[in-house]
Amino acid sequence: MGIPHDSPQRVKAGLQFALSEASEDGHCFLPEGELITKAAELLGVDAVRARLPRRRRADITGLTGVTEAQRAALLALGAVDRST
């Protein structure tokens, strides 16, 4: 297909497939290390290579229409609120 075996796009797809496989086994979550290991095994790449850059944290400053509980949940998941 012309996509290098260790390309970021292929690694991302491998991570998504590993999550999909886990969900079919009844899991709704995989620890990061386990997810990376499974994806690396599926793709035949080094586990270190299977790490993708971390996404930026969601900025919820000024977000409206959410309850305090929802805001607290977003913050617990890593979002930032610069107004506090």
N, C-alpha and C. Protein backbone atom coordinates (compact mmCIF):
# COMPACT_ATOMS: atom_id res chain seq x y z
N MET A 1 0.82 -1.19 0.00
CA MET A 1 0.00 0.00 0.00
C MET A 1 0.86 1.25 0.00
N GLY A 2 2.16 1.13 0.19
CA GLY A 2 3.03 2.29 0.15
C GLY A 2 3.14 3.04 1.46
N ILE A 3 2.58 2.51 2.53
CA ILE A 3 2.68 3.17 3.84
C ILE A 3 3.75 2.45 4.64
N PRO A 4 4.78 3.17 5.10
CA PRO A 4 5.83 2.52 5.88
C PRO A 4 5.24 1.81 7.11
N HIS A 5 5.81 0.68 7.48
CA HIS A 5 5.25 -0.11 8.58
C HIS A 5 5.26 0.61 9.92
N ASP A 6 6.09 1.66 10.05
CA ASP A 6 6.15 2.39 11.32
C ASP A 6 5.68 3.83 11.18
N SER A 7 4.87 4.11 10.13
CA SER A 7 4.39 5.48 9.93
C SER A 7 3.42 5.88 11.04
N PRO A 8 3.37 7.16 11.40
CA PRO A 8 2.44 7.61 12.43
C PRO A 8 0.98 7.25 12.12
N GLN A 9 0.59 7.31 10.85
CA GLN A 9 -0.78 6.97 10.48
C GLN A 9 -1.08 5.50 10.76
N ARG A 10 -0.13 4.65 10.46
CA ARG A 10 -0.32 3.22 10.69
C ARG A 10 -0.33 2.92 12.18
N VAL A 11 0.55 3.58 12.92
CA VAL A 11 0.59 3.39 14.37
C VAL A 11 -0.74 3.83 14.98
N LYS A 12 -1.26 4.97 14.55
CA LYS A 12 -2.55 5.45 15.06
C LYS A 12 -3.65 4.44 14.77
N ALA A 13 -3.66 3.92 13.56
CA ALA A 13 -4.67 2.92 13.20
C ALA A 13 -4.50 1.66 14.05
N GLY A 14 -3.27 1.29 14.33
CA GLY A 14 -3.02 0.12 15.17
C GLY A 14 -3.52 0.32 16.59
N LEU A 15 -3.33 1.53 17.12
CA LEU A 15 -3.85 1.84 18.45
C LEU A 15 -5.37 1.78 18.46
N GLN A 16 -6.00 2.33 17.43
CA GLN A 16 -7.46 2.29 17.34
C GLN A 16 -7.96 0.86 17.21
N PHE A 17 -7.26 0.04 16.43
CA PHE A 17 -7.67 -1.36 16.27
C PHE A 17 -7.51 -2.12 17.58
N ALA A 18 -6.43 -1.87 18.30
CA ALA A 18 -6.22 -2.54 19.58
C ALA A 18 -7.33 -2.18 20.56
N LEU A 19 -7.75 -0.91 20.56
CA LEU A 19 -8.88 -0.51 21.41
C LEU A 19 -10.17 -1.19 20.97
N SER A 20 -10.37 -1.29 19.68
CA SER A 20 -11.56 -1.95 19.15
C SER A 20 -11.59 -3.42 19.55
N GLU A 21 -10.45 -4.09 19.44
CA GLU A 21 -10.36 -5.49 19.84
C GLU A 21 -10.67 -5.65 21.33
N ALA A 22 -10.13 -4.75 22.14
CA ALA A 22 -10.37 -4.81 23.59
C ALA A 22 -11.84 -4.60 23.90
N SER A 23 -12.49 -3.69 23.17
CA SER A 23 -13.91 -3.45 23.43
C SER A 23 -14.75 -4.66 23.05
N GLU A 24 -14.34 -5.38 22.01
CA GLU A 24 -15.05 -6.60 21.64
C GLU A 24 -14.89 -7.69 22.70
N ASP A 25 -13.81 -7.58 23.49
CA ASP A 25 -13.59 -8.51 24.59
C ASP A 25 -14.27 -8.03 25.88
N GLY A 26 -15.04 -6.94 25.79
CA GLY A 26 -15.78 -6.45 26.94
C GLY A 26 -15.11 -5.35 27.73
N HIS A 27 -13.94 -4.90 27.27
CA HIS A 27 -13.24 -3.83 27.99
C HIS A 27 -13.71 -2.47 27.50
N CYS A 28 -13.75 -1.51 28.41
CA CYS A 28 -14.07 -0.13 28.01
C CYS A 28 -12.87 0.79 28.22
N PHE A 29 -11.74 0.22 28.64
CA PHE A 29 -10.54 1.01 28.93
C PHE A 29 -9.34 0.09 28.91
N LEU A 30 -8.21 0.60 28.45
CA LEU A 30 -6.94 -0.10 28.56
C LEU A 30 -5.91 0.87 29.11
N PRO A 31 -5.11 0.46 30.08
CA PRO A 31 -4.02 1.32 30.53
C PRO A 31 -3.09 1.62 29.34
N GLU A 32 -2.51 2.81 29.35
CA GLU A 32 -1.69 3.25 28.23
C GLU A 32 -0.60 2.24 27.85
N GLY A 33 0.11 1.73 28.84
CA GLY A 33 1.19 0.78 28.56
C GLY A 33 0.69 -0.48 27.87
N GLU A 34 -0.44 -0.99 28.34
CA GLU A 34 -1.01 -2.19 27.74
C GLU A 34 -1.48 -1.93 26.31
N LEU A 35 -2.10 -0.77 26.09
CA LEU A 35 -2.55 -0.40 24.75
C LEU A 35 -1.37 -0.30 23.79
N ILE A 36 -0.31 0.35 24.21
CA ILE A 36 0.87 0.51 23.35
C ILE A 36 1.50 -0.84 23.06
N THR A 37 1.59 -1.69 24.07
CA THR A 37 2.17 -3.02 23.86
C THR A 37 1.36 -3.83 22.86
N LYS A 38 0.03 -3.82 23.02
CA LYS A 38 -0.83 -4.57 22.10
C LYS A 38 -0.73 -4.04 20.67
N ALA A 39 -0.74 -2.71 20.53
CA ALA A 39 -0.63 -2.13 19.19
C ALA A 39 0.73 -2.45 18.56
N ALA A 40 1.78 -2.37 19.34
CA ALA A 40 3.12 -2.67 18.83
C ALA A 40 3.21 -4.12 18.37
N GLU A 41 2.60 -5.03 19.13
CA GLU A 41 2.60 -6.44 18.73
C GLU A 41 1.81 -6.64 17.44
N LEU A 42 0.66 -5.98 17.33
CA LEU A 42 -0.15 -6.11 16.11
C LEU A 42 0.59 -5.60 14.88
N LEU A 43 1.30 -4.50 15.07
CA LEU A 43 1.96 -3.84 13.93
C LEU A 43 3.37 -4.36 13.66
N GLY A 44 3.94 -5.06 14.61
CA GLY A 44 5.31 -5.52 14.45
C GLY A 44 6.30 -4.38 14.52
N VAL A 45 6.02 -3.40 15.38
CA VAL A 45 6.94 -2.28 15.57
C VAL A 45 7.36 -2.22 17.03
N ASP A 46 8.42 -1.50 17.30
CA ASP A 46 8.91 -1.29 18.66
C ASP A 46 7.85 -0.53 19.45
N ALA A 47 7.63 -0.91 20.69
CA ALA A 47 6.63 -0.25 21.53
C ALA A 47 6.92 1.24 21.68
N VAL A 48 8.19 1.61 21.72
CA VAL A 48 8.53 3.02 21.84
C VAL A 48 8.05 3.77 20.61
N ARG A 49 8.16 3.18 19.45
CA ARG A 49 7.72 3.80 18.19
C ARG A 49 6.20 3.94 18.16
N ALA A 50 5.50 3.09 18.89
CA ALA A 50 4.04 3.12 18.87
C ALA A 50 3.48 4.29 19.68
N ARG A 51 4.32 4.99 20.40
CA ARG A 51 3.84 6.16 21.17
C ARG A 51 3.62 7.33 20.21
N LEU A 52 2.45 7.91 20.30
CA LEU A 52 2.15 9.10 19.51
C LEU A 52 2.31 10.32 20.39
N PRO A 53 2.55 11.49 19.81
CA PRO A 53 2.63 12.70 20.63
C PRO A 53 1.34 12.90 21.41
N ARG A 54 1.47 13.34 22.63
CA ARG A 54 0.29 13.60 23.44
C ARG A 54 -0.51 14.74 22.83
N ARG A 55 -1.81 14.60 22.92
CA ARG A 55 -2.69 15.66 22.44
C ARG A 55 -2.66 16.82 23.42
N ARG A 56 -2.94 18.00 22.92
CA ARG A 56 -3.04 19.16 23.79
C ARG A 56 -4.22 18.99 24.72
N ARG A 57 -4.09 19.54 25.90
CA ARG A 57 -5.17 19.48 26.87
C ARG A 57 -6.29 20.42 26.44
N ALA A 58 -7.52 19.99 26.58
CA ALA A 58 -8.67 20.80 26.21
C ALA A 58 -8.77 22.02 27.13
N ASP A 59 -8.96 23.17 26.56
CA ASP A 59 -9.14 24.40 27.33
C ASP A 59 -10.64 24.67 27.44
N ILE A 60 -11.17 24.57 28.65
CA ILE A 60 -12.60 24.78 28.85
C ILE A 60 -12.91 26.14 29.46
N THR A 61 -11.95 27.05 29.39
CA THR A 61 -12.15 28.41 29.90
C THR A 61 -13.35 29.04 29.17
N GLY A 62 -14.32 29.53 29.94
CA GLY A 62 -15.48 30.18 29.35
C GLY A 62 -16.52 29.23 28.80
N LEU A 63 -16.35 27.93 28.97
CA LEU A 63 -17.31 26.95 28.48
C LEU A 63 -18.64 27.14 29.20
N THR A 64 -19.72 27.22 28.46
CA THR A 64 -21.04 27.39 29.06
C THR A 64 -21.90 26.17 28.75
N GLY A 65 -23.00 26.06 29.50
CA GLY A 65 -23.95 24.98 29.25
C GLY A 65 -23.57 23.66 29.87
N VAL A 66 -22.62 23.67 30.81
CA VAL A 66 -22.25 22.43 31.50
C VAL A 66 -22.47 22.62 32.99
N THR A 67 -22.80 21.55 33.66
CA THR A 67 -23.00 21.60 35.10
C THR A 67 -21.63 21.62 35.79
N GLU A 68 -21.64 21.93 37.07
CA GLU A 68 -20.39 21.91 37.84
C GLU A 68 -19.81 20.49 37.87
N ALA A 69 -20.69 19.49 37.94
CA ALA A 69 -20.21 18.10 37.93
C ALA A 69 -19.54 17.77 36.60
N GLN A 70 -20.12 18.22 35.50
CA GLN A 70 -19.52 17.98 34.19
C GLN A 70 -18.18 18.71 34.07
N ARG A 71 -18.14 19.96 34.56
CA ARG A 71 -16.89 20.73 34.54
C ARG A 71 -15.82 20.00 35.36
N ALA A 72 -16.20 19.50 36.55
CA ALA A 72 -15.25 18.78 37.40
C ALA A 72 -14.75 17.52 36.70
N ALA A 73 -15.65 16.83 36.00
CA ALA A 73 -15.24 15.62 35.28
C ALA A 73 -14.25 15.96 34.17
N LEU A 74 -14.52 17.04 33.43
CA LEU A 74 -13.60 17.45 32.37
C LEU A 74 -12.23 17.80 32.93
N LEU A 75 -12.23 18.51 34.05
CA LEU A 75 -10.95 18.86 34.68
C LEU A 75 -10.22 17.61 35.16
N ALA A 76 -10.97 16.64 35.69
CA ALA A 76 -10.36 15.39 36.15
C ALA A 76 -9.75 14.61 34.99
N LEU A 77 -10.30 14.79 33.80
CA LEU A 77 -9.79 14.11 32.61
C LEU A 77 -8.62 14.86 31.97
N GLY A 78 -8.25 16.01 32.56
CA GLY A 78 -7.07 16.71 32.07
C GLY A 78 -7.32 18.03 31.39
N ALA A 79 -8.59 18.46 31.31
CA ALA A 79 -8.88 19.76 30.72
C ALA A 79 -8.33 20.86 31.62
N VAL A 80 -8.16 22.04 31.06
CA VAL A 80 -7.70 23.18 31.85
C VAL A 80 -8.74 24.28 31.80
N ASP A 81 -8.86 25.01 32.89
CA ASP A 81 -9.75 26.16 32.97
C ASP A 81 -8.91 27.33 33.49
N ARG A 82 -8.59 28.25 32.62
CA ARG A 82 -7.69 29.34 32.96
C ARG A 82 -8.38 30.45 33.76
N SER A 83 -9.69 30.34 33.94
CA SER A 83 -10.41 31.37 34.69
C SER A 83 -10.39 31.13 36.19
N THR A 84 -9.86 30.00 36.61
CA THR A 84 -9.82 29.71 38.06
C THR A 84 -8.41 29.81 38.58
